[in-house]
Each structure stands twice: as C-alpha cells, then as structure tokens.
Protein backbone atom coordinates (compact mmCIF):
# COMPACT_ATOMS: atom_id res chain seq x y z
CA MET A 1 -11.82 -38.25 31.35
CA LEU A 2 -13.03 -36.93 34.45
CA GLY A 3 -16.30 -37.52 35.76
CA LYS A 4 -18.74 -34.57 36.16
CA ILE A 5 -18.57 -34.74 39.98
CA ALA A 6 -14.67 -34.69 39.95
CA LEU A 7 -14.53 -31.82 37.38
CA LEU A 8 -16.97 -29.96 39.51
CA GLN A 9 -14.91 -30.60 42.48
CA LEU A 10 -11.72 -29.57 40.64
CA THR A 11 -12.99 -26.42 39.48
CA GLU A 12 -14.14 -25.42 43.01
CA THR A 13 -10.19 -25.40 44.15
CA ASN A 14 -8.99 -22.27 45.05
CA PHE A 15 -5.69 -22.53 43.05
CA MET A 16 -5.20 -24.68 39.75
CA ARG A 17 -2.23 -25.49 37.73
CA ILE A 18 -2.34 -26.21 33.91
CA LEU A 19 0.08 -27.30 30.85
CA GLY A 20 -0.19 -25.17 28.10
CA ILE A 21 0.78 -26.38 24.53
CA GLU A 22 0.98 -24.13 21.40
CA THR A 23 1.67 -25.76 17.88
CA SER A 24 -0.69 -23.54 15.58
CA CYS A 25 2.35 -22.64 13.29
CA ASP A 26 6.08 -22.53 13.28
CA GLU A 27 6.98 -22.10 17.24
CA THR A 28 6.21 -24.83 19.73
CA GLY A 29 5.42 -23.49 23.00
CA ILE A 30 5.08 -25.23 26.42
CA ALA A 31 4.50 -23.61 29.65
CA ILE A 32 2.83 -24.09 33.07
CA TYR A 33 0.40 -21.52 34.66
CA ASP A 34 -0.37 -21.55 38.25
CA ASP A 35 -3.19 -19.56 39.47
CA ASP A 36 -1.29 -18.55 42.59
CA LYS A 37 2.22 -18.15 41.37
CA GLY A 38 1.72 -17.31 37.64
CA ILE A 39 4.05 -18.69 35.20
CA MET A 40 6.08 -21.24 36.79
CA ALA A 41 8.02 -22.19 33.56
CA HIS A 42 7.74 -21.75 29.92
CA ARG A 43 9.92 -22.66 26.74
CA LEU A 44 9.73 -21.91 23.29
CA TYR A 45 11.45 -23.33 20.19
CA SER A 46 11.12 -21.29 17.03
CA GLN A 47 11.46 -22.67 13.68
CA ILE A 48 13.15 -19.86 11.83
CA ALA A 49 16.06 -21.89 10.75
CA VAL A 50 13.90 -24.71 9.33
CA HIS A 51 11.80 -22.18 6.87
CA ALA A 52 14.46 -19.60 6.38
CA ASP A 53 15.69 -21.17 3.03
CA TYR A 54 12.03 -21.33 1.56
CA GLY A 55 11.21 -17.67 2.59
CA GLY A 56 8.05 -18.72 4.65
CA VAL A 57 6.56 -21.39 6.57
CA VAL A 58 6.37 -24.86 4.87
CA PRO A 59 3.36 -26.66 6.67
CA GLU A 60 4.34 -29.89 6.37
CA LEU A 61 7.72 -29.29 7.86
CA ALA A 62 6.45 -27.34 10.58
CA SER A 63 4.03 -30.61 11.55
CA ARG A 64 7.25 -32.71 11.76
CA ASP A 65 9.28 -30.26 13.65
CA HIS A 66 6.42 -29.88 16.38
CA VAL A 67 6.62 -33.86 16.46
CA ARG A 68 10.04 -33.91 17.25
CA LYS A 69 9.94 -31.17 19.78
CA THR A 70 6.81 -31.03 21.83
CA ILE A 71 7.33 -33.82 24.05
CA PRO A 72 10.93 -32.96 24.93
CA LEU A 73 9.76 -29.48 25.58
CA ILE A 74 7.10 -30.58 28.19
CA GLN A 75 9.70 -32.83 29.89
CA ALA A 76 12.01 -29.91 29.85
CA VAL A 77 9.33 -27.48 31.41
CA LEU A 78 7.89 -29.88 33.90
CA LYS A 79 11.63 -30.20 35.13
CA ASP A 80 12.14 -26.45 35.29
CA ALA A 81 9.08 -26.18 37.71
CA ASN A 82 10.07 -29.11 39.69
CA LEU A 83 6.60 -30.76 39.21
CA THR A 84 5.36 -33.97 38.13
CA PRO A 85 2.26 -34.62 35.81
CA GLN A 86 0.40 -35.49 39.12
CA ASP A 87 0.91 -31.78 40.30
CA LEU A 88 -1.36 -30.89 37.23
CA ASP A 89 -5.02 -30.03 37.03
CA GLY A 90 -5.17 -30.07 33.35
CA VAL A 91 -3.69 -29.97 29.98
CA ALA A 92 -4.46 -27.08 27.44
CA TYR A 93 -3.59 -26.97 23.78
CA THR A 94 -4.11 -24.85 20.94
CA ALA A 95 -7.03 -26.26 18.72
CA GLY A 96 -7.31 -23.59 16.06
CA PRO A 97 -7.01 -21.44 14.29
CA GLY A 98 -3.92 -22.15 12.40
CA LEU A 99 -2.02 -24.97 10.18
CA VAL A 100 -4.28 -27.93 10.28
CA GLY A 101 -1.13 -30.33 10.37
CA ALA A 102 0.44 -28.22 13.29
CA LEU A 103 -2.61 -27.94 15.20
CA LEU A 104 -3.36 -31.83 15.25
CA VAL A 105 0.26 -32.52 16.51
CA GLY A 106 -0.81 -30.22 19.66
CA CYS A 107 -3.94 -31.57 19.84
CA SER A 108 -3.05 -35.21 19.71
CA ILE A 109 -0.40 -34.91 22.12
CA GLY A 110 -2.33 -32.65 24.68
CA ARG A 111 -5.31 -35.04 24.59
CA SER A 112 -3.33 -38.26 24.89
CA LEU A 113 -1.16 -36.96 27.95
CA ALA A 114 -4.47 -35.68 29.52
CA TYR A 115 -6.15 -38.98 29.19
CA GLY A 116 -3.05 -40.86 30.32
CA TRP A 117 -2.53 -38.47 33.44
CA ASP A 118 -6.17 -38.70 34.14
CA LEU A 119 -6.70 -34.96 33.68
CA PRO A 120 -9.21 -32.52 31.94
CA ALA A 121 -8.20 -31.85 28.43
CA VAL A 122 -8.98 -27.95 27.36
CA PRO A 123 -8.82 -26.84 23.61
CA VAL A 124 -7.76 -23.32 23.17
CA HIS A 125 -8.71 -20.40 20.74
CA HIS A 126 -5.24 -19.32 19.36
CA MET A 127 -6.41 -15.64 19.22
CA GLU A 128 -8.10 -15.92 22.67
CA GLY A 129 -4.75 -16.77 23.82
CA HIS A 130 -3.07 -13.79 22.34
CA LEU A 131 -6.09 -11.48 23.30
CA LEU A 132 -5.55 -12.65 26.90
CA ALA A 133 -1.84 -12.42 26.75
CA PRO A 134 -1.87 -9.01 28.73
CA MET A 135 -3.46 -10.81 31.44
CA LEU A 136 0.28 -12.12 32.54
CA GLU A 137 1.44 -9.08 33.28
CA ASP A 138 1.08 -7.05 36.69
CA ASP A 139 -0.21 -4.23 34.80
CA ALA A 140 -3.60 -5.92 33.47
CA PRO A 141 -6.21 -4.41 31.83
CA GLU A 142 -9.90 -4.31 33.16
CA PHE A 143 -12.73 -5.30 31.15
CA PRO A 144 -14.34 -3.92 28.70
CA PHE A 145 -11.68 -2.86 26.29
CA ILE A 146 -10.73 -2.82 22.36
CA ALA A 147 -8.22 -5.58 21.40
CA LEU A 148 -5.92 -5.19 18.10
CA LEU A 149 -4.83 -8.53 17.26
CA VAL A 150 -2.00 -8.05 14.80
CA SER A 151 0.24 -10.84 13.44
CA GLY A 152 1.62 -12.70 10.47
CA GLY A 153 -1.72 -14.31 9.74
CA HIS A 154 -4.42 -11.92 11.85
CA THR A 155 -5.17 -8.47 12.00
CA MET A 156 -8.46 -7.80 14.07
CA LEU A 157 -10.20 -5.18 16.26
CA VAL A 158 -12.28 -7.09 18.79
CA ARG A 159 -14.61 -5.62 21.74
CA VAL A 160 -13.94 -7.55 24.79
CA GLU A 161 -16.69 -7.28 27.36
CA GLY A 162 -15.10 -10.46 29.29
CA ILE A 163 -13.79 -13.87 28.57
CA GLY A 164 -15.46 -15.18 25.66
CA GLN A 165 -17.67 -12.06 24.97
CA TYR A 166 -16.14 -10.93 21.83
CA LYS A 167 -17.55 -8.89 18.95
CA LEU A 168 -15.51 -8.59 16.03
CA LEU A 169 -15.45 -4.88 14.81
CA GLY A 170 -12.98 -5.29 11.66
CA GLU A 171 -10.29 -7.38 10.08
CA SER A 172 -8.08 -7.66 7.38
CA VAL A 173 -9.75 -8.53 4.09
CA ASP A 174 -6.66 -9.58 2.55
CA ASP A 175 -2.81 -9.58 4.02
CA ALA A 176 -2.40 -9.16 7.43
CA ALA A 177 -0.27 -6.51 8.93
CA GLY A 178 2.58 -9.17 9.74
CA GLU A 179 2.43 -10.73 6.14
CA ALA A 180 2.76 -7.47 4.64
CA PHE A 181 5.87 -6.72 6.59
CA ASP A 182 7.20 -10.07 5.92
CA LYS A 183 6.66 -9.79 2.25
CA THR A 184 7.92 -6.05 1.96
CA ALA A 185 11.04 -6.90 3.92
CA LYS A 186 11.59 -9.68 1.00
CA LEU A 187 11.49 -7.16 -1.44
CA LEU A 188 14.37 -5.26 0.33
CA GLY A 189 16.46 -8.43 0.25
CA LEU A 190 15.82 -9.40 4.00
CA ASP A 191 15.94 -12.84 5.39
CA TYR A 192 12.93 -14.62 6.45
CA PRO A 193 11.21 -13.85 9.08
CA GLY A 194 11.46 -10.08 7.76
CA GLY A 195 9.07 -8.22 9.93
CA PRO A 196 11.64 -7.68 12.61
CA ALA A 197 14.30 -7.01 10.40
CA LEU A 198 12.45 -4.29 8.36
CA ALA A 199 11.50 -2.52 12.03
CA LYS A 200 15.27 -2.51 12.64
CA MET A 201 16.01 -1.24 9.18
CA ALA A 202 13.40 1.54 9.42
CA GLU A 203 15.37 2.96 12.32
CA SER A 204 18.04 4.27 10.08
CA GLY A 205 15.49 5.67 7.54
CA VAL A 206 14.71 9.39 6.91
CA ALA A 207 11.29 10.57 7.49
CA GLY A 208 9.39 11.99 4.92
CA ARG A 209 11.35 11.06 1.71
CA PHE A 210 8.88 8.69 0.54
CA LYS A 211 5.11 8.70 1.32
CA LEU A 212 3.02 5.51 0.98
CA PRO A 213 -0.88 5.10 1.31
CA ARG A 214 -2.86 4.60 4.59
CA PRO A 215 -5.13 1.96 2.83
CA MET A 216 -9.16 1.95 3.76
CA THR A 217 -8.71 5.12 6.39
CA ASP A 218 -10.38 7.43 3.77
CA ARG A 219 -13.91 5.36 4.28
CA PRO A 220 -15.90 4.22 7.37
CA GLY A 221 -15.65 1.17 8.76
CA LEU A 222 -12.96 -0.93 10.94
CA ASP A 223 -11.56 -3.39 7.96
CA PHE A 224 -8.10 -3.46 7.11
CA SER A 225 -6.32 -3.97 3.65
CA PHE A 226 -2.60 -4.16 3.49
CA SER A 227 -2.14 -5.78 -0.11
CA GLY A 228 -2.18 -2.72 -1.96
CA LEU A 229 0.29 -0.90 0.59
CA LYS A 230 2.63 -3.84 -0.21
CA THR A 231 2.20 -3.46 -4.13
CA ALA A 232 3.18 0.10 -3.43
CA ALA A 233 6.11 -0.67 -1.90
CA SER A 234 6.90 -2.81 -4.49
CA THR A 235 6.53 -0.14 -7.17
CA LEU A 236 8.79 2.22 -5.07
CA VAL A 237 11.57 -0.15 -4.93
CA ARG A 238 11.49 -0.88 -8.67
CA LYS A 239 11.45 2.93 -9.50
CA GLU A 240 13.98 4.25 -6.95
CA CYS A 241 16.62 1.17 -6.49
CA LEU A 242 17.88 1.13 -10.00
CA GLU A 243 21.71 2.38 -10.74
CA LEU A 244 22.64 3.36 -7.06
CA THR A 245 25.75 2.68 -5.37
CA ALA A 246 25.81 0.13 -2.51
CA THR A 247 25.69 3.19 0.01
CA GLU A 248 22.83 4.75 -1.90
CA LEU A 249 21.06 1.48 -2.28
CA LYS A 250 21.20 0.70 1.68
CA GLN A 251 20.04 4.30 2.55
CA THR A 252 17.30 4.17 -0.14
CA HIS A 253 16.20 0.62 1.17
CA ALA A 254 16.29 2.15 4.88
CA ASP A 255 14.09 5.09 3.84
CA ILE A 256 11.67 2.92 2.12
CA ALA A 257 11.28 0.48 5.24
CA HIS A 258 10.60 3.59 7.39
CA ALA A 259 7.88 4.89 5.00
CA PHE A 260 6.30 1.61 4.96
CA GLN A 261 6.33 0.86 8.62
CA GLN A 262 4.78 4.15 9.10
CA ALA A 263 2.05 3.49 6.71
CA VAL A 264 1.25 0.32 8.64
CA ILE A 265 1.30 2.03 12.06
CA ASP A 266 -0.63 5.25 11.07
CA THR A 267 -3.18 2.57 9.63
CA LEU A 268 -3.43 0.49 12.74
CA ALA A 269 -3.80 3.73 14.90
CA ILE A 270 -6.35 5.49 12.81
CA LYS A 271 -8.70 2.29 13.04
CA CYS A 272 -7.81 1.68 17.08
CA LYS A 273 -8.76 5.41 17.38
CA ARG A 274 -12.19 5.01 15.38
CA ALA A 275 -13.00 1.86 17.15
CA LEU A 276 -12.30 3.40 20.58
CA LYS A 277 -14.73 6.05 19.75
CA GLN A 278 -17.38 4.04 18.20
CA GLU A 279 -17.27 1.60 21.08
CA ASN A 280 -17.23 4.71 23.78
CA LEU A 281 -14.21 3.25 25.38
CA ASN A 282 -10.55 4.36 26.25
CA ARG A 283 -8.65 0.95 27.13
CA LEU A 284 -6.95 -0.85 24.34
CA VAL A 285 -5.09 -4.04 24.46
CA ILE A 286 -2.55 -4.83 21.49
CA ALA A 287 -1.41 -8.54 21.11
CA GLY A 288 0.30 -10.91 18.54
CA GLY A 289 3.67 -10.77 16.78
CA VAL A 290 3.46 -7.22 15.25
CA SER A 291 2.64 -5.56 18.72
CA ALA A 292 6.25 -6.26 19.76
CA ASN A 293 7.12 -3.31 17.19
CA THR A 294 8.33 -0.27 19.40
CA ALA A 295 7.19 2.33 17.15
CA LEU A 296 3.83 0.78 16.81
CA ARG A 297 3.76 0.87 20.73
CA GLU A 298 4.92 4.39 20.97
CA LYS A 299 2.10 5.82 18.22
CA LEU A 300 -0.98 3.88 20.20
CA ALA A 301 0.31 5.19 23.43
CA VAL A 302 0.02 8.82 22.48
CA THR A 303 -3.29 7.63 20.37
CA THR A 304 -4.86 6.28 23.84
CA LYS A 305 -3.32 9.11 25.78
CA LYS A 306 -5.13 11.89 23.70
CA LEU A 307 -8.75 10.05 24.45
CA GLY A 308 -7.80 9.89 28.16
CA GLY A 309 -7.07 6.20 28.10
CA SER A 310 -4.21 3.59 28.18
CA VAL A 311 -2.88 0.83 26.05
CA PHE A 312 -1.74 -2.53 27.29
CA TYR A 313 0.36 -5.29 25.95
CA PRO A 314 2.11 -8.50 26.78
CA ARG A 315 5.96 -8.39 27.42
CA PRO A 316 7.89 -9.13 23.99
CA GLU A 317 8.55 -12.84 24.67
CA PHE A 318 4.60 -13.41 25.18
CA CYS A 319 3.61 -11.46 21.86
CA THR A 320 4.69 -13.96 19.55
CA ASP A 321 3.15 -17.59 19.67
CA ASN A 322 3.77 -19.23 23.05
CA GLY A 323 2.68 -21.52 25.54
CA ALA A 324 2.27 -19.21 28.51
CA MET A 325 -0.64 -17.37 26.78
CA ILE A 326 -2.57 -20.98 25.96
CA ALA A 327 -2.03 -22.10 29.55
CA TYR A 328 -3.59 -18.79 30.94
CA ALA A 329 -6.61 -19.03 28.65
CA GLY A 330 -6.91 -22.77 29.04
CA LEU A 331 -7.05 -22.18 33.03
CA GLN A 332 -9.84 -19.77 32.57
CA ARG A 333 -11.63 -22.16 30.62
CA LEU A 334 -11.05 -25.11 33.06
CA LYS A 335 -12.35 -23.20 35.78
CA ALA A 336 -15.50 -22.64 33.82
CA GLY A 337 -15.90 -26.50 33.21
CA THR A 338 -14.39 -26.75 29.58
CA ASN A 339 -13.21 -30.53 29.06
CA ALA A 340 -12.75 -32.22 25.77
CA ASP A 341 -13.83 -35.70 24.98
CA LEU A 342 -12.03 -38.10 23.09
CA THR A 343 -13.37 -37.01 19.73
CA PHE A 344 -11.19 -33.93 19.65
CA LYS A 345 -10.40 -31.93 16.39
CA ALA A 346 -8.24 -29.27 15.17
CA ASN A 347 -10.18 -26.21 13.88
CA PRO A 348 -7.87 -24.49 11.43
CA ARG A 349 -10.99 -21.58 10.73
CA TRP A 350 -12.18 -21.51 14.31
CA SER A 351 -14.48 -18.29 14.85
CA LEU A 352 -13.17 -16.10 17.71
CA GLU A 353 -17.17 -15.05 18.36
CA SER A 354 -18.35 -18.61 18.49
CA LEU A 355 -16.36 -19.02 22.00
CA PRO A 356 -19.07 -19.23 25.01
CA ALA A 357 -18.92 -16.44 27.70
CA ILE A 358 -17.66 -17.56 31.02
C-alpha cells in the first residue's frame, strides 16, 4: 500500500491511468482508462450461456466463472493496450452492490494485484459506475442532472450535483424494470436474458391492441413498482393465448410484448418528467442495461425536449455492466485520495447516498 506522501504525489500528477475490474453479477468486465487518452482497452465476457439453462443467474456459477475469467481478461487488456502493470497508477474494482460471491472475486483479485504491484486499490460503487458511464462519451453531461439508473437489479432516480453528491429521489419497491422485462419475456417463451428479446419482439407488435397499467403514476412520488405490471401481463397471456394457430400466437405474443414495453417506457418517462420538474432541472442521464432500449431512448428524448432539455446516455456496449465505467469512476476516486487498506470487504447492499463527495 502506498504511503500518504506517495499517494499525494500520485494524485497531483496531471494524467493518470487505472485498471478497472467489474464482477458484480454475470459479466466479467476489464478495462484500462487514461485521463488523457480515455479508454485504452476494454474486454467483456458474458455468462449468458452459463445461466441460460436455469432461466436466471445462479450465484455460485457466476462466482466460479469470474474466478476463471478475470485474470486472463486482465492479461488480455494489458496486451491490447501495450502496457505493463508498471504503467498503471491504480487498480479499481467493484465492491458493491451485487452478488456477494461475485463481488468477492473482483475485490480479492483487485486488492491482491494492487498490493503485488505496489499500487493504490480503489473500491467502486457499481451504481456510481453506471451513473458516470455517460462521462465516457464526447457529449458528456454537465452537473447537476437527474439520473435514471435502470437495469435488471435496480430502478432508481437520483439527483446528481457532482461526483459523490447523490440524492435518491425514488426507487423500485419490488421488481426492477429489467427484472420485469426478463420475467415477462419468459412468459412469452423467450430465452434468458429475455429483455432484449422482448424488445425485439415488440417491434412487430400492433400498438393499441392491448392496454396494460402504468403502475404508481396516478399517485404522488417517484418510486416505481413493476410487479403488478408483470402480473397483468401474465394474466393477459393466459387469457389471450389459448386455442390459437401458430401464426396467431406469434402475433399475439408480439402485441403483448409491445403493450408491456410501452407500459414500462411510459411509466419511466412519467417519473422522469416528474423528477425533472420537481428538481427544476432539464438534463437527464439514463444508464444501466435497460437504457440500451431504443424505444426508451426515443421516448425520453421527446420528454426532455419538451422541457427544453437533453438526455444523455452511454453507447450500448457501456450500458450493461462493464469495466470501463468502473475504471472511470475509480480514477475519479483515486484522484480524490481514495485508497483501500488490506481489510477490504464486499458491500452487497452498499448505499449510493453513503458515498463521500469529491
């Protein structure tokens, strides 16, 4: 571990370079981010094939796969960037929230490499990584803004004044939007992960044939609830998909997928508009796996334009879990002096609002 003087000298350097490690769930993401050059290299290994037969993520299998893939991916990224460990200024790793076993793999590898390479180790909050992912783009948003973090495990609205200055405005009280997508896709016979497949199916759906509720939009507040919407979709499937020909069943499934997706998108848009008005802001950031949904992006672009504002999001490859967002967030923390000691730990339920401002 670097001493205080060495760390102070390090943080005063104009440009710094850091390795980022993401292992919070079912994707192993590794990247190197440079303050001056941006993303120098990044790789992502998805465990979709590992979990597909089970219809969802199996935590033990996820942890084991991270053990197998993390070190080889780190070696590959260093080679891609034509760098050695001596060219790095720190190692960042996702410390939470997420699956505790998966987190411990990244934490232990990241902390061990930092110790062996005599570099600072930086624990990163997974959701802060997502929240800052749009900063990887040329058209990065200015502070303050409202962030919609929407993925398989989280749906939340956050007011962002700066890095580490987060105010939680609302969150899902049950299923997250991405989780509801996956579960509804399974009802329609789609393979895991079903969210992207449902979005694709919805493209051939007929608008207006079915109507599903926009949950919790008829009451004050910014919390979300998608469990009832998922149940309504399940009821619709049981009611409408009996005694149909193959062609009729295919179209009915597409129509239900369209209705479900539109209900989720409308709900998210209504809440985003409400949050922007409440906080008197007009800049909106969307991040997380569901933010790659094209229909959602189009809807939120219209919503923010009507308010005289803009919407920002990362490129699709950085919407899902990835090492680049962890490297970027970790570098900001490293420059502020964050440096983990040997008593590191994973924080599977780490609160975003508990992070210190920088």
